[in-house]
């Protein structure tokens, strides 16, 4: 099979495709670029080969062994090889290459990972106003944490949230998810009141709903720091990302008997398989679940 040559380098063409056609988030693009650049450097250093096409299966195996020798976790290795396989599927469609050198490459076995979840009683304590500073920044942090927990939205979705996305009359928040797909998520009256109070006191002018102390657009490290600070204040988790709140949102809903298809839609999952990861809760935990959390007001149960 002949392989056509593009004037644009395959990696840059792929990243452009992810950004413009697939509407990948900044975080997604950064991860793909980092993982694939690492492979490119490995190929350049070891084989004097400077592109991600035209490579041999043995080279991919050598890269996996190299990562294992560096002490990379099995999950990290799987993610990086998956990034290459996604790139290679695109490269084959574009006729940059005519084969997949990762076929038959063995990867280290993954250990089954239990998702960390913040207990409901700790989330209730977290959303108590007394834990947040009596300032505009404290109000902002409380709204940010409440939005993450009441909607289960992703960190990137929170960052992109705009004023108009909070629809007071419909008691919903419009979330722009992966691939530009939008979904409407019902929220409580208390959250809407909190958002209105926040907007009355917010400094600066920005189209985005949640902003930094200086009134600028949020960025991932800022969100992570604020979430980690409050979670470690109210739970035994030593480290907590915004995604842990998303896990908690889904698990708490399912603990209370919410329909898994409804939870799938709220999370913005394209496949039910992704949502089924949250169904590991035990009968004992289901019996221990109690009413009274902010999730109750959503009318999902």
C-alpha atoms as a PDB file:
ATOM      1  CA  UNK A   1       0.000   0.000   0.000  1.00  0.00           C
ATOM      2  CA  UNK A   2       1.419   3.408  -0.882  1.00  0.00           C
ATOM      3  CA  UNK A   3       1.646   6.041   1.796  1.00  0.00           C
ATOM      4  CA  UNK A   4       1.030   9.685   0.920  1.00  0.00           C
ATOM      5  CA  UNK A   5       3.187  12.414   2.362  1.00  0.00           C
ATOM      6  CA  UNK A   6       1.537  15.454   3.940  1.00  0.00           C
ATOM      7  CA  UNK A   7       3.244  18.864   4.041  1.00  0.00           C
ATOM      8  CA  UNK A   8       2.088  19.103   7.664  1.00  0.00           C
ATOM      9  CA  UNK A   9       3.911  16.907  10.172  1.00  0.00           C
ATOM     10  CA  UNK A  10       1.673  13.999  11.304  1.00  0.00           C
ATOM     11  CA  UNK A  11       1.813  14.858  15.019  1.00  0.00           C
ATOM     12  CA  UNK A  12       0.899  18.504  14.485  1.00  0.00           C
ATOM     13  CA  UNK A  13      -1.849  17.483  12.046  1.00  0.00           C
ATOM     14  CA  UNK A  14      -3.237  15.084  14.670  1.00  0.00           C
ATOM     15  CA  UNK A  15      -3.223  17.710  17.443  1.00  0.00           C
ATOM     16  CA  UNK A  16      -4.904  20.195  15.102  1.00  0.00           C
ATOM     17  CA  UNK A  17      -7.559  17.551  14.359  1.00  0.00           C
ATOM     18  CA  UNK A  18      -8.159  16.978  18.081  1.00  0.00           C
ATOM     19  CA  UNK A  19      -8.536  20.692  18.727  1.00  0.00           C
ATOM     20  CA  UNK A  20     -10.601  21.781  15.724  1.00  0.00           C
ATOM     21  CA  UNK A  21     -12.544  18.675  14.713  1.00  0.00           C
ATOM     22  CA  UNK A  22     -12.941  16.765  17.982  1.00  0.00           C
ATOM     23  CA  UNK A  23     -13.006  19.927  20.119  1.00  0.00           C
ATOM     24  CA  UNK A  24     -10.592  18.449  22.632  1.00  0.00           C
ATOM     25  CA  UNK A  25     -10.087  20.369  25.864  1.00  0.00           C
ATOM     26  CA  UNK A  26      -6.865  22.189  26.698  1.00  0.00           C
ATOM     27  CA  UNK A  27      -6.088  19.443  29.210  1.00  0.00           C
ATOM     28  CA  UNK A  28      -6.651  16.683  26.632  1.00  0.00           C
ATOM     29  CA  UNK A  29      -4.425  18.380  24.065  1.00  0.00           C
ATOM     30  CA  UNK A  30      -1.708  18.963  26.636  1.00  0.00           C
ATOM     31  CA  UNK A  31      -1.730  15.292  27.683  1.00  0.00           C
ATOM     32  CA  UNK A  32      -1.600  13.977  24.107  1.00  0.00           C
ATOM     33  CA  UNK A  33       1.180  16.385  23.175  1.00  0.00           C
ATOM     34  CA  UNK A  34       3.224  15.453  26.249  1.00  0.00           C
ATOM     35  CA  UNK A  35       2.821  11.681  25.835  1.00  0.00           C
ATOM     36  CA  UNK A  36       3.516  11.680  22.099  1.00  0.00           C
ATOM     37  CA  UNK A  37       6.451  14.076  22.410  1.00  0.00           C
ATOM     38  CA  UNK A  38       7.994  11.668  24.932  1.00  0.00           C
ATOM     39  CA  UNK A  39       7.696   8.812  22.438  1.00  0.00           C
ATOM     40  CA  UNK A  40       9.132  10.996  19.693  1.00  0.00           C
ATOM     41  CA  UNK A  41      12.162  11.869  21.845  1.00  0.00           C
ATOM     42  CA  UNK A  42      12.684   8.186  22.674  1.00  0.00           C
ATOM     43  CA  UNK A  43      12.615   7.238  18.982  1.00  0.00           C
ATOM     44  CA  UNK A  44      14.978  10.065  18.112  1.00  0.00           C
ATOM     45  CA  UNK A  45      17.497   9.205  20.843  1.00  0.00           C
ATOM     46  CA  UNK A  46      17.479   5.429  20.399  1.00  0.00           C
ATOM     47  CA  UNK A  47      16.763   4.926  16.705  1.00  0.00           C
ATOM     48  CA  UNK A  48      17.541   8.307  15.115  1.00  0.00           C
ATOM     49  CA  UNK A  49      13.941   8.327  13.864  1.00  0.00           C
ATOM     50  CA  UNK A  50      12.186  11.668  14.218  1.00  0.00           C
ATOM     51  CA  UNK A  51       8.533  10.982  13.358  1.00  0.00           C
ATOM     52  CA  UNK A  52       5.741   8.844  14.845  1.00  0.00           C
ATOM     53  CA  UNK A  53       5.065   7.108  11.519  1.00  0.00           C
ATOM     54  CA  UNK A  54       7.195   4.464   9.856  1.00  0.00           C
ATOM     55  CA  UNK A  55       8.230   2.888  13.154  1.00  0.00           C
ATOM     56  CA  UNK A  56       8.661  -0.783  14.045  1.00  0.00           C
ATOM     57  CA  UNK A  57       6.778  -2.883  16.573  1.00  0.00           C
ATOM     58  CA  UNK A  58      10.035  -3.695  18.348  1.00  0.00           C
ATOM     59  CA  UNK A  59      10.571   0.028  18.887  1.00  0.00           C
ATOM     60  CA  UNK A  60       7.214   0.327  20.641  1.00  0.00           C
ATOM     61  CA  UNK A  61       8.103  -2.690  22.815  1.00  0.00           C
ATOM     62  CA  UNK A  62      11.445  -1.091  23.655  1.00  0.00           C
ATOM     63  CA  UNK A  63       9.612   2.109  24.656  1.00  0.00           C
ATOM     64  CA  UNK A  64       7.350   0.135  27.005  1.00  0.00           C
ATOM     65  CA  UNK A  65      10.382  -1.590  28.573  1.00  0.00           C
ATOM     66  CA  UNK A  66      12.110   1.792  28.899  1.00  0.00           C
ATOM     67  CA  UNK A  67       9.133   3.244  30.773  1.00  0.00           C
ATOM     68  CA  UNK A  68       9.020   0.218  33.088  1.00  0.00           C
ATOM     69  CA  UNK A  69      12.727   0.631  33.840  1.00  0.00           C
ATOM     70  CA  UNK A  70      12.061   4.285  34.657  1.00  0.00           C
ATOM     71  CA  UNK A  71       9.549   3.141  37.265  1.00  0.00           C
ATOM     72  CA  UNK A  72       6.445   4.401  35.467  1.00  0.00           C
ATOM     73  CA  UNK A  73       3.211   2.952  36.818  1.00  0.00           C
ATOM     74  CA  UNK A  74       1.289   0.419  34.700  1.00  0.00           C
ATOM     75  CA  UNK A  75      -1.584   2.887  34.413  1.00  0.00           C
ATOM     76  CA  UNK A  76       0.723   5.599  33.083  1.00  0.00           C
ATOM     77  CA  UNK A  77       2.232   3.198  30.541  1.00  0.00           C
ATOM     78  CA  UNK A  78      -1.229   2.139  29.365  1.00  0.00           C
ATOM     79  CA  UNK A  79      -2.245   5.786  28.953  1.00  0.00           C
ATOM     80  CA  UNK A  80       0.832   6.672  26.909  1.00  0.00           C
ATOM     81  CA  UNK A  81       0.521   3.652  24.605  1.00  0.00           C
ATOM     82  CA  UNK A  82      -3.196   4.428  24.229  1.00  0.00           C
ATOM     83  CA  UNK A  83      -2.264   7.970  23.139  1.00  0.00           C
ATOM     84  CA  UNK A  84      -0.009   6.505  20.427  1.00  0.00           C
ATOM     85  CA  UNK A  85      -2.705   4.086  19.274  1.00  0.00           C
ATOM     86  CA  UNK A  86      -5.201   6.950  18.972  1.00  0.00           C
ATOM     87  CA  UNK A  87      -2.654   8.912  16.952  1.00  0.00           C
ATOM     88  CA  UNK A  88      -1.921   5.886  14.756  1.00  0.00           C
ATOM     89  CA  UNK A  89      -5.619   5.347  13.955  1.00  0.00           C
ATOM     90  CA  UNK A  90      -5.748   8.947  12.751  1.00  0.00           C
ATOM     91  CA  UNK A  91      -2.488   8.512  10.807  1.00  0.00           C
ATOM     92  CA  UNK A  92      -3.866   5.454   8.998  1.00  0.00           C
ATOM     93  CA  UNK A  93      -7.059   7.278   8.044  1.00  0.00           C
ATOM     94  CA  UNK A  94      -4.956  10.109   6.655  1.00  0.00           C
ATOM     95  CA  UNK A  95      -2.620   7.671   4.840  1.00  0.00           C
ATOM     96  CA  UNK A  96       0.408   8.845   6.825  1.00  0.00           C
ATOM     97  CA  UNK A  97       1.019   5.143   7.523  1.00  0.00           C
ATOM     98  CA  UNK A  98      -0.478   1.805   6.534  1.00  0.00           C
ATOM     99  CA  UNK A  99       0.014  -0.301   9.685  1.00  0.00           C
ATOM    100  CA  UNK A 100      -0.170  -0.316  13.477  1.00  0.00           C
ATOM    101  CA  UNK A 101       3.217  -1.120  15.088  1.00  0.00           C
ATOM    102  CA  UNK A 102       1.592  -1.383  18.537  1.00  0.00           C
ATOM    103  CA  UNK A 103      -0.313  -4.549  17.581  1.00  0.00           C
ATOM    104  CA  UNK A 104       0.800  -7.422  19.760  1.00  0.00           C
ATOM    105  CA  UNK A 105       2.765  -5.234  22.172  1.00  0.00           C
ATOM    106  CA  UNK A 106       2.331  -6.559  25.732  1.00  0.00           C
ATOM    107  CA  UNK A 107       1.645  -4.043  28.495  1.00  0.00           C
ATOM    108  CA  UNK A 108       2.091  -4.440  32.267  1.00  0.00           C
ATOM    109  CA  UNK A 109      -0.982  -5.730  34.070  1.00  0.00           C
ATOM    110  CA  UNK A 110      -3.222  -3.096  35.618  1.00  0.00           C
ATOM    111  CA  UNK A 111      -4.254  -3.377  39.228  1.00  0.00           C
ATOM    112  CA  UNK A 112      -7.948  -2.839  39.814  1.00  0.00           C
ATOM    113  CA  UNK A 113      -8.311   0.673  41.167  1.00  0.00           C
ATOM    114  CA  UNK A 114     -10.980   1.652  43.671  1.00  0.00           C
ATOM    115  CA  UNK A 115     -12.162   5.191  43.081  1.00  0.00           C
ATOM    116  CA  UNK A 116     -11.745   7.484  46.063  1.00  0.00           C
ATOM    117  CA  UNK A 117     -14.981   9.027  47.261  1.00  0.00           C
ATOM    118  CA  UNK A 118     -15.672  11.700  49.861  1.00  0.00           C
ATOM    119  CA  UNK A 119     -18.330  10.388  52.325  1.00  0.00           C
ATOM    120  CA  UNK A 120     -21.649  12.216  52.185  1.00  0.00           C
ATOM    121  CA  UNK A 121     -21.375  13.498  55.753  1.00  0.00           C
ATOM    122  CA  UNK A 122     -18.026  15.066  54.856  1.00  0.00           C
ATOM    123  CA  UNK A 123     -19.476  16.715  51.750  1.00  0.00           C
ATOM    124  CA  UNK A 124     -22.267  18.151  53.905  1.00  0.00           C
ATOM    125  CA  UNK A 125     -19.681  19.568  56.294  1.00  0.00           C
ATOM    126  CA  UNK A 126     -17.678  20.880  53.353  1.00  0.00           C
ATOM    127  CA  UNK A 127     -20.603  22.831  51.922  1.00  0.00           C
ATOM    128  CA  UNK A 128     -21.410  24.390  55.305  1.00  0.00           C
ATOM    129  CA  UNK A 129     -20.781  28.135  54.921  1.00  0.00           C
ATOM    130  CA  UNK A 130     -18.759  28.310  58.146  1.00  0.00           C
ATOM    131  CA  UNK A 131     -15.763  26.562  56.575  1.00  0.00           C
ATOM    132  CA  UNK A 132     -15.311  29.231  53.894  1.00  0.00           C
ATOM    133  CA  UNK A 133     -13.698  32.641  54.592  1.00  0.00           C
ATOM    134  CA  UNK A 134     -16.074  35.561  55.117  1.00  0.00           C
ATOM    135  CA  UNK A 135     -14.958  37.284  51.922  1.00  0.00           C
ATOM    136  CA  UNK A 136     -15.704  37.400  48.226  1.00  0.00           C
ATOM    137  CA  UNK A 137     -13.025  34.732  47.614  1.00  0.00           C
ATOM    138  CA  UNK A 138     -14.702  32.519  50.216  1.00  0.00           C
ATOM    139  CA  UNK A 139     -18.053  32.995  48.484  1.00  0.00           C
ATOM    140  CA  UNK A 140     -16.426  32.139  45.161  1.00  0.00           C
ATOM    141  CA  UNK A 141     -14.867  28.984  46.605  1.00  0.00           C
ATOM    142  CA  UNK A 142     -18.164  27.877  48.132  1.00  0.00           C
ATOM    143  CA  UNK A 143     -19.975  28.348  44.809  1.00  0.00           C
ATOM    144  CA  UNK A 144     -17.225  26.486  42.974  1.00  0.00           C
ATOM    145  CA  UNK A 145     -17.350  23.510  45.346  1.00  0.00           C
ATOM    146  CA  UNK A 146     -21.163  23.461  45.330  1.00  0.00           C
ATOM    147  CA  UNK A 147     -21.270  23.502  41.532  1.00  0.00           C
ATOM    148  CA  UNK A 148     -18.806  20.629  41.295  1.00  0.00           C
ATOM    149  CA  UNK A 149     -20.770  18.497  43.761  1.00  0.00           C
ATOM    150  CA  UNK A 150     -24.331  19.329  42.702  1.00  0.00           C
ATOM    151  CA  UNK A 151     -23.651  18.859  38.992  1.00  0.00           C
ATOM    152  CA  UNK A 152     -20.759  16.392  38.825  1.00  0.00           C
ATOM    153  CA  UNK A 153     -19.202  18.500  36.086  1.00  0.00           C
ATOM    154  CA  UNK A 154     -15.588  18.055  35.043  1.00  0.00           C
ATOM    155  CA  UNK A 155     -12.882  20.561  35.940  1.00  0.00           C
ATOM    156  CA  UNK A 156     -12.622  21.810  32.337  1.00  0.00           C
ATOM    157  CA  UNK A 157     -16.398  22.224  32.205  1.00  0.00           C
ATOM    158  CA  UNK A 158     -16.321  24.370  35.351  1.00  0.00           C
ATOM    159  CA  UNK A 159     -13.566  26.538  33.902  1.00  0.00           C
ATOM    160  CA  UNK A 160     -15.578  27.157  30.700  1.00  0.00           C
ATOM    161  CA  UNK A 161     -18.848  27.918  32.535  1.00  0.00           C
ATOM    162  CA  UNK A 162     -20.319  31.332  31.647  1.00  0.00           C
ATOM    163  CA  UNK A 163     -22.907  33.622  33.283  1.00  0.00           C
ATOM    164  CA  UNK A 164     -25.591  32.723  30.767  1.00  0.00           C
ATOM    165  CA  UNK A 165     -25.128  29.029  31.479  1.00  0.00           C
ATOM    166  CA  UNK A 166     -26.816  29.445  34.864  1.00  0.00           C
ATOM    167  CA  UNK A 167     -30.485  29.443  33.873  1.00  0.00           C
ATOM    168  CA  UNK A 168     -32.363  30.669  36.926  1.00  0.00           C
ATOM    169  CA  UNK A 169     -35.875  30.415  35.441  1.00  0.00           C
ATOM    170  CA  UNK A 170     -35.320  26.768  34.479  1.00  0.00           C
ATOM    171  CA  UNK A 171     -33.252  25.945  37.603  1.00  0.00           C
ATOM    172  CA  UNK A 172     -30.594  24.365  35.442  1.00  0.00           C
ATOM    173  CA  UNK A 173     -26.947  24.824  34.529  1.00  0.00           C
ATOM    174  CA  UNK A 174     -25.889  24.329  30.906  1.00  0.00           C
ATOM    175  CA  UNK A 175     -22.612  22.432  30.689  1.00  0.00           C
ATOM    176  CA  UNK A 176     -20.454  22.192  27.560  1.00  0.00           C
ATOM    177  CA  UNK A 177     -18.832  18.775  27.680  1.00  0.00           C
ATOM    178  CA  UNK A 178     -16.392  16.783  25.588  1.00  0.00           C
ATOM    179  CA  UNK A 179     -16.704  17.283  21.864  1.00  0.00           C
ATOM    180  CA  UNK A 180     -18.806  20.402  22.422  1.00  0.00           C
ATOM    181  CA  UNK A 181     -21.809  18.355  23.557  1.00  0.00           C
ATOM    182  CA  UNK A 182     -24.128  20.325  25.824  1.00  0.00           C
ATOM    183  CA  UNK A 183     -26.278  19.022  28.660  1.00  0.00           C
ATOM    184  CA  UNK A 184     -28.690  20.660  31.110  1.00  0.00           C
ATOM    185  CA  UNK A 185     -28.260  19.722  34.765  1.00  0.00           C
ATOM    186  CA  UNK A 186     -30.914  20.549  37.395  1.00  0.00           C
ATOM    187  CA  UNK A 187     -29.648  22.405  40.460  1.00  0.00           C
ATOM    188  CA  UNK A 188     -31.066  23.449  43.815  1.00  0.00           C
ATOM    189  CA  UNK A 189     -32.604  26.788  44.708  1.00  0.00           C
ATOM    190  CA  UNK A 190     -29.840  27.198  47.286  1.00  0.00           C
ATOM    191  CA  UNK A 191     -27.177  26.999  44.574  1.00  0.00           C
ATOM    192  CA  UNK A 192     -28.990  29.584  42.447  1.00  0.00           C
ATOM    193  CA  UNK A 193     -29.229  31.934  45.448  1.00  0.00           C
ATOM    194  CA  UNK A 194     -25.519  31.441  46.096  1.00  0.00           C
ATOM    195  CA  UNK A 195     -24.731  32.238  42.447  1.00  0.00           C
ATOM    196  CA  UNK A 196     -26.798  35.433  42.573  1.00  0.00           C
ATOM    197  CA  UNK A 197     -25.051  36.583  45.768  1.00  0.00           C
ATOM    198  CA  UNK A 198     -21.689  35.808  44.198  1.00  0.00           C
ATOM    199  CA  UNK A 199     -22.488  37.817  41.049  1.00  0.00           C
ATOM    200  CA  UNK A 200     -23.545  40.856  43.093  1.00  0.00           C
ATOM    201  CA  UNK A 201     -20.138  40.935  44.755  1.00  0.00           C
ATOM    202  CA  UNK A 202     -17.871  39.750  41.946  1.00  0.00           C
ATOM    203  CA  UNK A 203     -15.023  42.108  40.958  1.00  0.00           C
ATOM    204  CA  UNK A 204     -13.966  42.784  37.392  1.00  0.00           C
ATOM    205  CA  UNK A 205     -15.702  41.992  34.115  1.00  0.00           C
ATOM    206  CA  UNK A 206     -15.471  38.554  32.529  1.00  0.00           C
ATOM    207  CA  UNK A 207     -17.732  36.335  30.446  1.00  0.00           C
ATOM    208  CA  UNK A 208     -16.790  33.388  32.649  1.00  0.00           C
ATOM    209  CA  UNK A 209     -18.795  32.673  35.797  1.00  0.00           C
ATOM    210  CA  UNK A 210     -16.018  31.626  38.175  1.00  0.00           C
ATOM    211  CA  UNK A 211     -12.847  33.723  38.162  1.00  0.00           C
ATOM    212  CA  UNK A 212      -9.594  33.988  40.095  1.00  0.00           C
ATOM    213  CA  UNK A 213      -8.927  36.527  42.840  1.00  0.00           C
ATOM    214  CA  UNK A 214      -7.769  38.993  40.168  1.00  0.00           C
ATOM    215  CA  UNK A 215     -10.938  38.495  38.110  1.00  0.00           C
ATOM    216  CA  UNK A 216      -9.281  36.398  35.402  1.00  0.00           C
ATOM    217  CA  UNK A 217     -10.354  33.097  33.852  1.00  0.00           C
ATOM    218  CA  UNK A 218      -9.782  29.995  35.966  1.00  0.00           C
ATOM    219  CA  UNK A 219      -6.976  27.550  35.164  1.00  0.00           C
ATOM    220  CA  UNK A 220      -6.561  23.889  36.234  1.00  0.00           C
ATOM    221  CA  UNK A 221      -3.884  24.391  38.920  1.00  0.00           C
ATOM    222  CA  UNK A 222      -6.003  27.076  40.638  1.00  0.00           C
ATOM    223  CA  UNK A 223      -9.096  24.832  40.761  1.00  0.00           C
ATOM    224  CA  UNK A 224      -7.060  21.881  42.002  1.00  0.00           C
ATOM    225  CA  UNK A 225      -5.476  23.897  44.833  1.00  0.00           C
ATOM    226  CA  UNK A 226      -8.808  25.237  46.084  1.00  0.00           C
ATOM    227  CA  UNK A 227     -10.540  21.825  45.911  1.00  0.00           C
ATOM    228  CA  UNK A 228      -7.650  20.021  47.575  1.00  0.00           C
ATOM    229  CA  UNK A 229      -7.543  22.616  50.362  1.00  0.00           C
ATOM    230  CA  UNK A 230     -11.204  22.220  51.328  1.00  0.00           C
ATOM    231  CA  UNK A 231     -11.396  18.447  50.919  1.00  0.00           C
ATOM    232  CA  UNK A 232      -8.399  17.856  53.178  1.00  0.00           C
ATOM    233  CA  UNK A 233      -9.968  20.200  55.740  1.00  0.00           C
ATOM    234  CA  UNK A 234     -13.091  18.057  56.049  1.00  0.00           C
ATOM    235  CA  UNK A 235     -12.097  14.464  55.228  1.00  0.00           C
ATOM    236  CA  UNK A 236      -9.346  11.927  55.783  1.00  0.00           C
ATOM    237  CA  UNK A 237      -8.289  12.009  52.120  1.00  0.00           C
ATOM    238  CA  UNK A 238      -4.735  13.298  51.941  1.00  0.00           C
ATOM    239  CA  UNK A 239      -5.004  14.464  48.347  1.00  0.00           C
ATOM    240  CA  UNK A 240      -8.104  15.301  46.368  1.00  0.00           C
ATOM    241  CA  UNK A 241      -8.681  16.516  42.833  1.00  0.00           C
ATOM    242  CA  UNK A 242     -11.872  17.981  41.343  1.00  0.00           C
ATOM    243  CA  UNK A 243     -12.456  14.569  39.719  1.00  0.00           C
ATOM    244  CA  UNK A 244     -12.851  13.008  43.179  1.00  0.00           C
ATOM    245  CA  UNK A 245     -15.865  15.269  43.721  1.00  0.00           C
ATOM    246  CA  UNK A 246     -17.251  14.024  40.393  1.00  0.00           C
ATOM    247  CA  UNK A 247     -16.768  10.445  41.605  1.00  0.00           C
ATOM    248  CA  UNK A 248     -18.483  11.346  44.872  1.00  0.00           C
ATOM    249  CA  UNK A 249     -21.426  12.944  43.057  1.00  0.00           C
ATOM    250  CA  UNK A 250     -22.035   9.814  40.944  1.00  0.00           C
ATOM    251  CA  UNK A 251     -21.492   7.345  43.784  1.00  0.00           C
ATOM    252  CA  UNK A 252     -23.774   9.194  46.198  1.00  0.00           C
ATOM    253  CA  UNK A 253     -26.562   9.312  43.604  1.00  0.00           C
ATOM    254  CA  UNK A 254     -26.286   5.592  42.903  1.00  0.00           C
ATOM    255  CA  UNK A 255     -26.090   4.824  46.635  1.00  0.00           C
ATOM    256  CA  UNK A 256     -29.478   6.472  46.974  1.00  0.00           C
ATOM    257  CA  UNK A 257     -31.008   4.415  44.179  1.00  0.00           C
ATOM    258  CA  UNK A 258     -30.782   6.841  41.250  1.00  0.00           C
ATOM    259  CA  UNK A 259     -31.268   5.259  37.829  1.00  0.00           C
ATOM    260  CA  UNK A 260     -27.896   4.581  36.220  1.00  0.00           C
ATOM    261  CA  UNK A 261     -29.070   5.970  32.867  1.00  0.00           C
ATOM    262  CA  UNK A 262     -30.025   9.246  34.551  1.00  0.00           C
ATOM    263  CA  UNK A 263     -26.587   9.418  36.162  1.00  0.00           C
ATOM    264  CA  UNK A 264     -25.005   8.700  32.764  1.00  0.00           C
ATOM    265  CA  UNK A 265     -26.781  11.708  31.262  1.00  0.00           C
ATOM    266  CA  UNK A 266     -25.843  13.968  34.187  1.00  0.00           C
ATOM    267  CA  UNK A 267     -22.174  12.996  33.864  1.00  0.00           C
ATOM    268  CA  UNK A 268     -22.168  13.458  30.103  1.00  0.00           C
ATOM    269  CA  UNK A 269     -20.892   9.943  29.430  1.00  0.00           C
ATOM    270  CA  UNK A 270     -21.249   8.738  25.846  1.00  0.00           C
ATOM    271  CA  UNK A 271     -21.305   5.104  26.962  1.00  0.00           C
ATOM    272  CA  UNK A 272     -22.999   3.362  29.870  1.00  0.00           C
ATOM    273  CA  UNK A 273     -19.789   1.378  30.426  1.00  0.00           C
ATOM    274  CA  UNK A 274     -18.104   4.483  31.813  1.00  0.00           C
ATOM    275  CA  UNK A 275     -20.925   5.021  34.321  1.00  0.00           C
ATOM    276  CA  UNK A 276     -20.944   1.395  35.450  1.00  0.00           C
ATOM    277  CA  UNK A 277     -17.568   1.921  37.149  1.00  0.00           C
ATOM    278  CA  UNK A 278     -19.514   3.655  39.920  1.00  0.00           C
ATOM    279  CA  UNK A 279     -21.724   0.662  40.699  1.00  0.00           C
ATOM    280  CA  UNK A 280     -19.176  -0.960  43.035  1.00  0.00           C
ATOM    281  CA  UNK A 281     -21.021   0.220  46.163  1.00  0.00           C
ATOM    282  CA  UNK A 282     -21.878  -2.504  48.658  1.00  0.00           C
ATOM    283  CA  UNK A 283     -25.269  -3.343  50.123  1.00  0.00           C
ATOM    284  CA  UNK A 284     -23.999  -2.089  53.448  1.00  0.00           C
ATOM    285  CA  UNK A 285     -23.189   1.304  52.021  1.00  0.00           C
ATOM    286  CA  UNK A 286     -26.595   1.474  50.390  1.00  0.00           C
ATOM    287  CA  UNK A 287     -28.258   0.804  53.750  1.00  0.00           C
ATOM    288  CA  UNK A 288     -26.107   3.460  55.411  1.00  0.00           C
ATOM    289  CA  UNK A 289     -27.075   6.132  52.894  1.00  0.00           C
ATOM    290  CA  UNK A 290     -29.328   8.771  54.437  1.00  0.00           C
ATOM    291  CA  UNK A 291     -31.392  11.692  53.235  1.00  0.00           C
ATOM    292  CA  UNK A 292     -30.545  15.346  53.667  1.00  0.00           C
ATOM    293  CA  UNK A 293     -27.702  16.120  51.267  1.00  0.00           C
ATOM    294  CA  UNK A 294     -27.867  18.827  48.565  1.00  0.00           C
ATOM    295  CA  UNK A 295     -28.411  16.040  46.020  1.00  0.00           C
ATOM    296  CA  UNK A 296     -31.899  15.374  47.411  1.00  0.00           C
ATOM    297  CA  UNK A 297     -33.287  18.643  46.069  1.00  0.00           C
ATOM    298  CA  UNK A 298     -32.692  17.588  42.478  1.00  0.00           C
ATOM    299  CA  UNK A 299     -35.714  15.312  42.233  1.00  0.00           C
ATOM    300  CA  UNK A 300     -33.732  12.445  40.701  1.00  0.00           C
ATOM    301  CA  UNK A 301     -34.635   9.779  43.262  1.00  0.00           C
END
